[in-house]
Protein backbone atom coordinates (compact mmCIF):
# COMPACT_ATOMS: atom_id res chain seq x y z
CA MET A 1 -0.05 0.09 0.23
CA LEU A 2 1.19 3.35 -0.78
CA GLY A 3 0.07 4.98 2.63
CA ALA A 4 -2.92 4.28 4.98
CA PRO A 5 -5.98 5.65 3.91
CA HIS A 6 -8.04 7.76 6.07
CA TYR A 7 -10.87 5.66 6.10
CA PHE A 8 -11.80 1.82 6.85
CA LEU A 9 -13.80 -0.50 4.68
CA CYS A 10 -16.35 -1.78 7.39
CA GLY A 11 -18.57 -3.95 5.32
CA GLU A 12 -17.69 -7.31 3.62
CA VAL A 13 -15.32 -7.40 0.84
CA SER A 14 -13.99 -9.62 -1.81
CA ILE A 15 -10.31 -9.56 -2.56
CA ALA A 16 -8.27 -10.79 -5.59
CA LEU A 17 -4.13 -11.00 -5.58
CA GLU A 18 -2.42 -11.34 -8.70
CA TRP A 19 1.11 -11.85 -8.13
CA LEU A 20 3.60 -12.02 -11.33
CA ILE A 21 6.50 -13.92 -10.57
CA HIS A 22 9.18 -15.63 -13.16
CA GLU A 23 8.44 -19.41 -13.36
CA ARG A 24 12.30 -20.11 -12.52
CA ILE A 25 11.95 -18.23 -9.27
CA ARG A 26 8.94 -20.09 -8.69
CA TYR A 27 9.92 -23.30 -9.14
CA GLU A 28 13.89 -23.52 -8.62
CA THR A 29 14.43 -21.35 -5.72
CA LEU A 30 13.25 -21.03 -2.25
CA PHE A 31 12.79 -17.40 -2.32
CA ALA A 32 9.24 -17.37 -3.43
CA PRO A 33 6.76 -18.29 -0.61
CA ASP A 34 3.40 -20.66 -1.49
CA VAL A 35 0.37 -18.75 -2.62
CA ASP A 36 -1.31 -19.46 0.68
CA ASN A 37 1.44 -17.83 3.04
CA THR A 38 1.18 -14.85 0.46
CA LEU A 39 -2.06 -14.49 0.88
CA LYS A 40 -1.96 -14.35 4.73
CA VAL A 41 0.60 -11.86 4.55
CA VAL A 42 -1.18 -9.55 2.45
CA LEU A 43 -4.56 -9.89 4.48
CA ASP A 44 -2.64 -9.25 7.59
CA ALA A 45 -1.10 -5.69 6.16
CA LEU A 46 -4.48 -5.01 5.07
CA CYS A 47 -6.17 -5.26 8.48
CA GLY A 48 -6.03 -3.00 11.75
CA PRO A 49 -5.12 0.29 12.86
CA ASP A 50 -3.12 0.84 10.14
CA GLY A 51 -4.91 -0.78 7.14
CA VAL A 52 -7.93 -0.33 5.36
CA LEU A 53 -9.93 -3.16 6.64
CA ILE A 54 -10.67 -3.64 10.42
CA ASN A 55 -10.44 -7.30 10.37
CA ASP A 56 -9.96 -10.46 7.95
CA CYS A 57 -13.42 -11.30 9.27
CA GLN A 58 -14.88 -9.15 6.51
CA VAL A 59 -13.31 -11.06 3.66
CA GLN A 60 -16.10 -12.81 1.92
CA HIS A 61 -14.42 -13.99 -0.91
CA VAL A 62 -10.62 -14.30 -2.02
CA SER A 63 -9.18 -15.20 -5.03
CA CYS A 64 -5.16 -15.68 -5.05
CA HIS A 65 -2.97 -16.74 -8.32
CA TRP A 66 0.45 -16.59 -9.84
CA ILE A 67 1.42 -15.99 -13.44
CA ASP A 68 4.53 -16.36 -15.02
CA TRP A 69 6.35 -13.45 -16.45
CA THR A 70 9.70 -12.94 -18.11
CA SER A 71 11.14 -10.50 -15.68
CA PRO A 72 13.16 -11.16 -12.60
CA GLU A 73 11.33 -8.46 -10.59
CA GLN A 74 8.29 -9.75 -8.91
CA GLN A 75 4.94 -7.56 -8.57
CA LEU A 76 1.67 -8.13 -6.75
CA THR A 77 -1.46 -6.52 -7.54
CA VAL A 78 -4.56 -6.45 -4.75
CA THR A 79 -7.80 -5.59 -6.01
CA ILE A 80 -10.45 -5.26 -3.13
CA LYS A 81 -13.99 -5.02 -4.42
CA HIS A 82 -16.57 -3.48 -1.69
CA SER A 83 -20.10 -1.50 -1.45
CA PRO A 84 -19.15 2.20 -1.98
CA ASP A 85 -20.99 3.02 1.03
CA ASP A 86 -19.59 0.59 3.59
CA TRP A 87 -16.80 2.65 5.16
CA VAL A 88 -15.89 4.81 8.23
CA PRO A 89 -13.44 7.77 8.70
CA LYS A 90 -10.61 6.96 10.86
CA ASN A 91 -11.00 10.15 12.69
CA GLU A 92 -11.82 10.01 16.30
CA LEU A 93 -12.94 6.27 15.87
CA VAL A 94 -13.91 4.11 18.68
CA PHE A 95 -15.96 0.77 18.81
CA VAL A 96 -18.77 0.95 20.96
CA ARG A 97 -19.59 -2.43 22.99
CA VAL A 98 -23.30 -2.38 22.87
CA ALA A 99 -24.35 -5.94 23.28
CA ARG A 100 -22.10 -8.46 25.03
CA ASN A 101 -19.02 -8.59 22.87
CA LEU A 102 -20.57 -6.74 19.65
CA CYS A 103 -19.22 -3.30 19.05
CA TRP A 104 -20.18 -0.88 16.43
CA PRO A 105 -17.78 2.07 14.87
CA LEU A 106 -18.47 5.37 16.11
CA ASN A 107 -16.69 8.48 15.27
CA LEU A 108 -16.26 10.84 18.46
CA ASP A 109 -15.99 14.00 16.36
CA GLN A 110 -19.38 14.33 15.59
CA PRO A 111 -21.61 16.97 17.81
CA THR A 112 -22.70 15.67 21.13
CA ARG A 113 -26.20 15.59 20.45
CA VAL A 114 -25.66 13.52 17.64
CA THR A 115 -23.50 10.84 19.12
CA GLU A 116 -26.00 10.84 22.07
CA LEU A 117 -28.85 10.04 19.76
CA ILE A 118 -26.69 7.36 17.94
CA LEU A 119 -26.06 5.70 21.42
CA ASN A 120 -29.37 5.86 22.65
CA HIS A 121 -30.38 4.04 19.05
CA LEU A 122 -27.76 1.33 19.37
CA GLN A 123 -29.12 0.74 23.01
CA ARG A 124 -32.67 0.40 21.91
CA MET A 125 -31.98 -1.80 19.05
CA ALA A 126 -29.87 -3.98 20.80
CA ALA A 127 -32.67 -4.24 23.55
CA ALA A 128 -35.33 -4.88 20.70
CA LYS A 129 -33.07 -7.25 19.40
CA GLN A 130 -32.60 -9.54 22.66
CA LYS A 131 -36.49 -9.40 23.18
CA LEU A 132 -37.11 -10.90 20.10
CA LEU A 133 -34.49 -13.54 20.30
CA ASN A 134 -36.04 -14.21 23.47
CA LEU A 135 -39.74 -14.76 21.89
CA THR A 136 -38.98 -16.27 18.53
CA GLY A 137 -35.52 -18.22 19.07
CA ASP A 138 -34.97 -16.95 15.59
CA TRP A 139 -31.78 -14.84 15.07
CA TYR A 140 -32.34 -13.94 11.37
CA GLU A 141 -35.75 -12.35 12.46
CA ALA A 142 -34.46 -10.74 15.76
CA ASN A 143 -31.61 -9.07 13.51
CA ARG A 144 -33.94 -7.13 11.42
CA VAL A 145 -34.08 -4.41 14.03
CA MET A 146 -30.40 -4.16 13.67
CA PRO A 147 -28.59 -1.19 11.78
CA ILE A 148 -27.01 -2.24 8.64
CA GLN A 149 -23.48 -1.59 9.73
CA GLN A 150 -22.25 -5.12 10.63
CA PRO A 151 -21.14 -5.28 14.20
CA PHE A 152 -17.46 -6.55 15.18
CA HIS A 153 -16.75 -8.64 17.92
CA SER A 154 -14.44 -6.95 20.41
CA GLY A 155 -12.10 -10.04 20.00
CA ARG A 156 -11.65 -8.96 16.71
CA LEU A 157 -10.71 -5.39 17.35
CA ARG A 158 -6.88 -5.68 18.55
CA GLY A 159 -5.27 -2.55 18.42
CA PHE A 160 -8.72 -0.43 18.39
CA LYS A 161 -10.23 1.67 21.36
CA VAL A 162 -13.15 -0.50 22.39
CA MET A 163 -15.59 1.91 24.97
CA THR A 164 -18.83 1.04 26.53
CA ILE A 165 -21.55 3.27 25.95
CA ASP A 166 -21.44 4.37 29.54
CA GLN A 167 -17.64 5.12 28.98
CA VAL A 168 -18.39 7.18 25.98
CA ARG A 169 -21.12 9.18 27.46
CA ALA A 170 -18.54 10.04 30.36
CA GLN A 171 -16.17 11.32 28.07
CA LEU A 172 -18.60 13.22 26.47
CA GLY A 173 -19.85 15.03 29.58
CA LEU A 174 -23.30 13.01 28.90
CA ALA A 175 -23.29 10.88 31.92
């Protein structure tokens, strides 16, 4: 990557890797890793606070292949397909733990009243989901009251700031 972007893709993505490498290097040396190892390194580099993805759990599809070419230099092209609306700015980003270990991205540089409205709404939706789940036992039905933004399990947010709703309210003077 040329530099870390000022946003994260926060929805599901499809990633394609194309690796151009001389066939001689690929087969006759130990310098070229296997394709699956290349994929792991690239995915790890794309994720986390310095990347473009929050976590590789967002990867719904992946394609990785190498192509022989005559140059002794190698080239790797990474293409990420995503919904154009599934992104959040990195500025003042925290993840708010709303229900059990589920966290939603929230930018704290918004007006306090906006943040308060979002927090209240997330709490109400999480409570309604739990109530529907208790009534129906159907996760899909209960999840219909949740925001379109997919939550992240707190265990997948290594390196990110995770706060409870009460901690966000206290920080903003809303408690």
